[in-house]
């Protein structure tokens, strides 16, 4: 979607507002894991937490779905793909991953998605990629090796790492879908609303919420030793880390260039890691921190180096930021 920024003070104001919204979105998305993990540790199944998050957000966004009720007829594949991959797939894999490995590690693994997209372009679509983009892939892979401590024989739970990688692959799937389905003429807010509805429906079948232990939500969950009402954590996940995060992210991309939006989006992983350190006591070693920096730098280079006309993320606001769903 083209960026509509005019000259002068209005343009500067638009950029400033866009940066503020993008930062707010990164902060909101980054806080999802540190709110979800205490609920999981208190007794909720990761899939049940995902279902509560997506179903709650879908209810909040329902008026937008009604407003854009022509979307299912116009873009059924796009909505189905968004619901399956960017909502249900990413969220389920990410929340299951953080139940087994640290929040920061899970999100850093997920940020391999831009590098994996370049792999899809080069080896599946047989399209050339720039040397800078290839360098981004190498940096991201090297950084990931440091994050998961390959010299220690993968010091983290293997299934947790596989689930985090699954979240990254789901992001790749949606990026590719956006390239073929296109976001032209489609209101991203409508896509979010219907994607959440589709995701909630799919997760209802998989998560079986009728087996959910609702008594956990009536109690409290410890956050770094401090008991916090479980319903407060859930409200944060639904209203802030999902609804507010998606909406502010979409609006920010409309005011910023994709490159700038990509830089700010990378802050999500930083925010999540810092919050997990402060609130959950999940500390990373110096090599892991350095590896995380390499992952983010590589992800940004890979994301921003492909030509705009040929990038698989050339779907405008829908593809650029909506598909980061953790936090999506």
Foldseek 3Di string as FASTA:
>chain_A
DDADADDDPRLVVLLVLLLVLLLLLLLLLLCQLLLLLLLVVLPWPLLLLLLLQLVLLLVVLVVLLVVPVCCCVVQVPLLLLLLVQLRQQLSSLLSNLCNFDPNLLLVLLLLLLLLVLVVCCCPVVVDDFDPLLVVLNVLQVVLNCLQQVVVVVRPTDPSSSVSSNSSNVSLSSSLLVCLVRAQPPPDLSNSLNSSSVSNSVVSCVVVVNVPTPCVSQQFFGAWQNRTDRSVVSSCSSRPRNRNSSLVSLLSSLSSDPLLVSLLSNLCSSVSNQVCCCVGVVDDDDPSSVVSSVSSSSSSSSSNPRGDLVPRSQVRGSNRRGNSCPVSD
